[in-house]
Amino acid sequence: MSRRKTIALSVIATLSGGLFAGLVPTAEAAPADSSALVAGTPCTVTAKACVSLSRNRAWLIRDGQVYYGEASALGGRPDSPTPTGTFQVQYKDKDHVSREYNNAPMPYSVFFTNTGVAFHQGSLTNRSAGCVHLSEKSARTFFDKLNVGDEVQVVQ
């Protein structure tokens, strides 16, 4: 069908309340199944970041596929566990220092709860007070690639 005919049919369909809408080819994509898991992770396709606390692993996801990870990640201590659930990135601070924990450095912090839990560079052998520790390379990558509002899923 020519471009001119397609435009004319589109105009007619719009003006006639959709009577001819079936005649106009459309390129609408089917919505993704938001409950589908991303291959190799325990998280769904809506996540931009995924953490498995039991596996000590984290991933970055784009378009329903892993594009970074499986990265080593270490969550909080038993007395101060990392919360599980679905969160959104709240804010980022490249050179964050924790006033709550004796001015502890938290480079490349990506805060994803309103209670101060973040991804950040930290020890992969000593657990945190609830944050998710990443290696320097991984913390930099999470900091660079995640944006405010991105979905973070944390599972046991």
C-alpha atoms as a PDB file:
ATOM      1  CA  MET A   1       0.000   0.000   0.000  1.00  0.00           C
ATOM      2  CA  SER A   2       1.348   3.414  -0.896  1.00  0.00           C
ATOM      3  CA  ARG A   3       2.208   5.938   1.773  1.00  0.00           C
ATOM      4  CA  ARG A   4      -0.488   8.312   0.427  1.00  0.00           C
ATOM      5  CA  LYS A   5      -3.213   5.615   0.708  1.00  0.00           C
ATOM      6  CA  THR A   6      -2.061   4.648   4.198  1.00  0.00           C
ATOM      7  CA  ILE A   7      -2.231   8.258   5.361  1.00  0.00           C
ATOM      8  CA  ALA A   8      -5.672   8.705   3.759  1.00  0.00           C
ATOM      9  CA  LEU A   9      -7.001   5.547   5.433  1.00  0.00           C
ATOM     10  CA  SER A  10      -5.546   6.664   8.764  1.00  0.00           C
ATOM     11  CA  VAL A  11      -7.324  10.023   8.477  1.00  0.00           C
ATOM     12  CA  ILE A  12     -10.608   8.352   7.497  1.00  0.00           C
ATOM     13  CA  ALA A  13     -10.307   5.834  10.345  1.00  0.00           C
ATOM     14  CA  THR A  14      -9.658   8.610  12.837  1.00  0.00           C
ATOM     15  CA  LEU A  15     -12.481  10.822  11.578  1.00  0.00           C
ATOM     16  CA  SER A  16     -14.992   7.960  11.400  1.00  0.00           C
ATOM     17  CA  GLY A  17     -14.460   6.873  14.992  1.00  0.00           C
ATOM     18  CA  GLY A  18     -12.331   3.895  14.066  1.00  0.00           C
ATOM     19  CA  LEU A  19     -14.716   2.312  11.534  1.00  0.00           C
ATOM     20  CA  PHE A  20     -11.839   1.582   9.148  1.00  0.00           C
ATOM     21  CA  ALA A  21      -9.116   1.125  11.761  1.00  0.00           C
ATOM     22  CA  GLY A  22      -8.690  -2.542  10.833  1.00  0.00           C
ATOM     23  CA  LEU A  23      -7.634  -1.569   7.312  1.00  0.00           C
ATOM     24  CA  VAL A  24      -4.638   0.471   8.435  1.00  0.00           C
ATOM     25  CA  PRO A  25      -1.524  -1.610   9.132  1.00  0.00           C
ATOM     26  CA  THR A  26      -0.098  -0.981  12.582  1.00  0.00           C
ATOM     27  CA  ALA A  27       3.274  -1.763  14.123  1.00  0.00           C
ATOM     28  CA  GLU A  28       2.200  -2.095  17.739  1.00  0.00           C
ATOM     29  CA  ALA A  29       4.314  -4.526  19.730  1.00  0.00           C
ATOM     30  CA  ALA A  30       2.720  -6.923  22.151  1.00  0.00           C
ATOM     31  CA  PRO A  31       3.365  -5.881  25.749  1.00  0.00           C
ATOM     32  CA  ALA A  32       6.103  -7.865  27.505  1.00  0.00           C
ATOM     33  CA  ASP A  33       5.077 -10.317  30.213  1.00  0.00           C
ATOM     34  CA  SER A  34       6.246  -8.415  33.312  1.00  0.00           C
ATOM     35  CA  SER A  35       6.334 -11.632  35.348  1.00  0.00           C
ATOM     36  CA  ALA A  36       8.797 -13.349  32.991  1.00  0.00           C
ATOM     37  CA  LEU A  37      12.201 -14.021  34.538  1.00  0.00           C
ATOM     38  CA  VAL A  38      15.398 -12.768  32.944  1.00  0.00           C
ATOM     39  CA  ALA A  39      17.479 -15.773  31.899  1.00  0.00           C
ATOM     40  CA  GLY A  40      20.179 -16.572  34.447  1.00  0.00           C
ATOM     41  CA  THR A  41      18.683 -14.363  37.181  1.00  0.00           C
ATOM     42  CA  PRO A  42      15.921 -14.651  39.786  1.00  0.00           C
ATOM     43  CA  CYS A  43      14.418 -11.304  38.704  1.00  0.00           C
ATOM     44  CA  THR A  44      11.737 -10.258  36.245  1.00  0.00           C
ATOM     45  CA  VAL A  45      12.124  -8.332  33.003  1.00  0.00           C
ATOM     46  CA  THR A  46      10.987  -5.075  34.626  1.00  0.00           C
ATOM     47  CA  ALA A  47      14.169  -4.908  36.761  1.00  0.00           C
ATOM     48  CA  LYS A  48      17.125  -2.748  35.778  1.00  0.00           C
ATOM     49  CA  ALA A  49      19.204  -4.188  38.646  1.00  0.00           C
ATOM     50  CA  CYS A  50      18.846  -7.595  40.280  1.00  0.00           C
ATOM     51  CA  VAL A  51      20.382  -8.939  43.504  1.00  0.00           C
ATOM     52  CA  SER A  52      20.331 -12.492  44.819  1.00  0.00           C
ATOM     53  CA  LEU A  53      21.336 -12.393  48.487  1.00  0.00           C
ATOM     54  CA  SER A  54      21.569 -16.190  48.814  1.00  0.00           C
ATOM     55  CA  ARG A  55      23.856 -16.426  45.781  1.00  0.00           C
ATOM     56  CA  ASN A  56      25.838 -13.231  46.558  1.00  0.00           C
ATOM     57  CA  ARG A  57      25.349 -12.068  42.984  1.00  0.00           C
ATOM     58  CA  ALA A  58      24.036  -9.004  41.147  1.00  0.00           C
ATOM     59  CA  TRP A  59      23.187  -8.169  37.543  1.00  0.00           C
ATOM     60  CA  LEU A  60      22.260  -5.177  35.402  1.00  0.00           C
ATOM     61  CA  ILE A  61      19.423  -5.774  32.966  1.00  0.00           C
ATOM     62  CA  ARG A  62      18.351  -3.963  29.806  1.00  0.00           C
ATOM     63  CA  ASP A  63      15.501  -4.928  27.495  1.00  0.00           C
ATOM     64  CA  GLY A  64      14.892  -8.105  29.483  1.00  0.00           C
ATOM     65  CA  GLN A  65      18.476  -9.377  29.145  1.00  0.00           C
ATOM     66  CA  VAL A  66      21.587  -9.322  31.315  1.00  0.00           C
ATOM     67  CA  TYR A  67      24.132  -6.845  30.020  1.00  0.00           C
ATOM     68  CA  TYR A  68      26.388  -6.770  33.091  1.00  0.00           C
ATOM     69  CA  GLY A  69      27.040  -9.510  35.597  1.00  0.00           C
ATOM     70  CA  GLU A  70      27.008 -11.947  37.204  1.00  0.00           C
ATOM     71  CA  ALA A  71      28.844  -9.682  39.648  1.00  0.00           C
ATOM     72  CA  SER A  72      29.903 -10.624  43.166  1.00  0.00           C
ATOM     73  CA  ALA A  73      27.712  -8.854  45.712  1.00  0.00           C
ATOM     74  CA  LEU A  74      27.515  -9.077  49.497  1.00  0.00           C
ATOM     75  CA  GLY A  75      24.482  -7.981  51.475  1.00  0.00           C
ATOM     76  CA  GLY A  76      23.947  -7.016  55.091  1.00  0.00           C
ATOM     77  CA  ARG A  77      24.754  -8.805  58.331  1.00  0.00           C
ATOM     78  CA  PRO A  78      22.144 -11.046  60.005  1.00  0.00           C
ATOM     79  CA  ASP A  79      21.442  -8.285  62.558  1.00  0.00           C
ATOM     80  CA  SER A  80      21.101  -5.690  59.770  1.00  0.00           C
ATOM     81  CA  PRO A  81      19.923  -7.540  56.646  1.00  0.00           C
ATOM     82  CA  THR A  82      19.476  -6.085  53.205  1.00  0.00           C
ATOM     83  CA  PRO A  83      15.728  -5.719  52.626  1.00  0.00           C
ATOM     84  CA  THR A  84      14.139  -7.845  49.917  1.00  0.00           C
ATOM     85  CA  GLY A  85      11.538  -6.573  47.495  1.00  0.00           C
ATOM     86  CA  THR A  86      11.161  -4.211  44.585  1.00  0.00           C
ATOM     87  CA  PHE A  87      12.561  -0.701  44.910  1.00  0.00           C
ATOM     88  CA  GLN A  88      13.421   2.314  42.756  1.00  0.00           C
ATOM     89  CA  VAL A  89      16.744   4.127  42.608  1.00  0.00           C
ATOM     90  CA  GLN A  90      16.283   7.204  44.840  1.00  0.00           C
ATOM     91  CA  TYR A  91      19.566   9.033  44.250  1.00  0.00           C
ATOM     92  CA  LYS A  92      23.269   8.562  43.562  1.00  0.00           C
ATOM     93  CA  ASP A  93      26.365   9.948  45.278  1.00  0.00           C
ATOM     94  CA  LYS A  94      29.778   9.139  43.804  1.00  0.00           C
ATOM     95  CA  ASP A  95      31.740  10.117  46.927  1.00  0.00           C
ATOM     96  CA  HIS A  96      29.264   9.335  49.705  1.00  0.00           C
ATOM     97  CA  VAL A  97      30.493   9.193  53.302  1.00  0.00           C
ATOM     98  CA  SER A  98      28.255   7.624  55.930  1.00  0.00           C
ATOM     99  CA  ARG A  99      27.718   9.931  58.894  1.00  0.00           C
ATOM    100  CA  GLU A 100      25.769   7.129  60.562  1.00  0.00           C
ATOM    101  CA  TYR A 101      28.719   4.713  60.448  1.00  0.00           C
ATOM    102  CA  ASN A 102      31.766   6.722  61.582  1.00  0.00           C
ATOM    103  CA  ASN A 103      32.310   8.522  58.277  1.00  0.00           C
ATOM    104  CA  ALA A 104      32.758   5.232  56.437  1.00  0.00           C
ATOM    105  CA  PRO A 105      33.469   5.815  52.756  1.00  0.00           C
ATOM    106  CA  MET A 106      30.804   4.469  50.383  1.00  0.00           C
ATOM    107  CA  PRO A 107      32.151   5.178  46.888  1.00  0.00           C
ATOM    108  CA  TYR A 108      29.779   4.969  43.910  1.00  0.00           C
ATOM    109  CA  SER A 109      26.639   4.812  46.053  1.00  0.00           C
ATOM    110  CA  VAL A 110      23.319   4.107  44.336  1.00  0.00           C
ATOM    111  CA  PHE A 111      20.578   4.436  46.961  1.00  0.00           C
ATOM    112  CA  PHE A 112      17.495   2.354  46.272  1.00  0.00           C
ATOM    113  CA  THR A 113      15.479   2.535  49.489  1.00  0.00           C
ATOM    114  CA  ASN A 114      14.225   5.501  51.483  1.00  0.00           C
ATOM    115  CA  THR A 115      16.027   4.031  54.519  1.00  0.00           C
ATOM    116  CA  GLY A 116      19.517   4.556  53.098  1.00  0.00           C
ATOM    117  CA  VAL A 117      20.283   1.150  51.565  1.00  0.00           C
ATOM    118  CA  ALA A 118      22.574   1.374  48.548  1.00  0.00           C
ATOM    119  CA  PHE A 119      24.829  -0.463  46.159  1.00  0.00           C
ATOM    120  CA  HIS A 120      28.375   0.762  46.738  1.00  0.00           C
ATOM    121  CA  GLN A 121      32.012  -0.243  46.607  1.00  0.00           C
ATOM    122  CA  GLY A 122      32.826  -2.303  49.669  1.00  0.00           C
ATOM    123  CA  SER A 123      34.293  -5.475  51.093  1.00  0.00           C
ATOM    124  CA  LEU A 124      33.250  -8.737  49.499  1.00  0.00           C
ATOM    125  CA  THR A 125      34.175 -10.596  52.709  1.00  0.00           C
ATOM    126  CA  ASN A 126      32.769  -8.338  55.463  1.00  0.00           C
ATOM    127  CA  ARG A 127      29.021  -7.802  55.446  1.00  0.00           C
ATOM    128  CA  SER A 128      27.486  -4.341  55.622  1.00  0.00           C
ATOM    129  CA  ALA A 129      24.827  -2.742  57.792  1.00  0.00           C
ATOM    130  CA  GLY A 130      22.274  -3.462  55.063  1.00  0.00           C
ATOM    131  CA  CYS A 131      23.853  -2.144  51.880  1.00  0.00           C
ATOM    132  CA  VAL A 132      24.985  -4.269  48.949  1.00  0.00           C
ATOM    133  CA  HIS A 133      28.775  -4.301  48.623  1.00  0.00           C
ATOM    134  CA  LEU A 134      30.250  -4.553  45.125  1.00  0.00           C
ATOM    135  CA  SER A 135      33.820  -4.592  43.793  1.00  0.00           C
ATOM    136  CA  GLU A 136      35.171  -1.240  42.622  1.00  0.00           C
ATOM    137  CA  LYS A 137      34.599  -2.127  38.949  1.00  0.00           C
ATOM    138  CA  SER A 138      31.047  -3.339  39.562  1.00  0.00           C
ATOM    139  CA  ALA A 139      30.182  -0.382  41.817  1.00  0.00           C
ATOM    140  CA  ARG A 140      31.384   2.016  39.118  1.00  0.00           C
ATOM    141  CA  THR A 141      29.344   0.198  36.483  1.00  0.00           C
ATOM    142  CA  PHE A 142      26.165   0.169  38.613  1.00  0.00           C
ATOM    143  CA  PHE A 143      26.730   3.872  39.379  1.00  0.00           C
ATOM    144  CA  ASP A 144      27.228   4.746  35.701  1.00  0.00           C
ATOM    145  CA  LYS A 145      24.374   2.655  34.293  1.00  0.00           C
ATOM    146  CA  LEU A 146      21.545   3.028  36.825  1.00  0.00           C
ATOM    147  CA  ASN A 147      19.337   6.120  36.857  1.00  0.00           C
ATOM    148  CA  VAL A 148      16.963   7.612  39.385  1.00  0.00           C
ATOM    149  CA  GLY A 149      13.660   5.748  39.078  1.00  0.00           C
ATOM    150  CA  ASP A 150      15.163   2.505  37.744  1.00  0.00           C
ATOM    151  CA  GLU A 151      13.700  -0.641  39.271  1.00  0.00           C
ATOM    152  CA  VAL A 152      15.856  -2.689  41.642  1.00  0.00           C
ATOM    153  CA  GLN A 153      14.774  -6.181  42.670  1.00  0.00           C
ATOM    154  CA  VAL A 154      16.371  -7.844  45.700  1.00  0.00           C
ATOM    155  CA  VAL A 155      15.535 -11.478  46.359  1.00  0.00           C
ATOM    156  CA  GLN A 156      16.683 -13.883  49.005  1.00  0.00           C
END
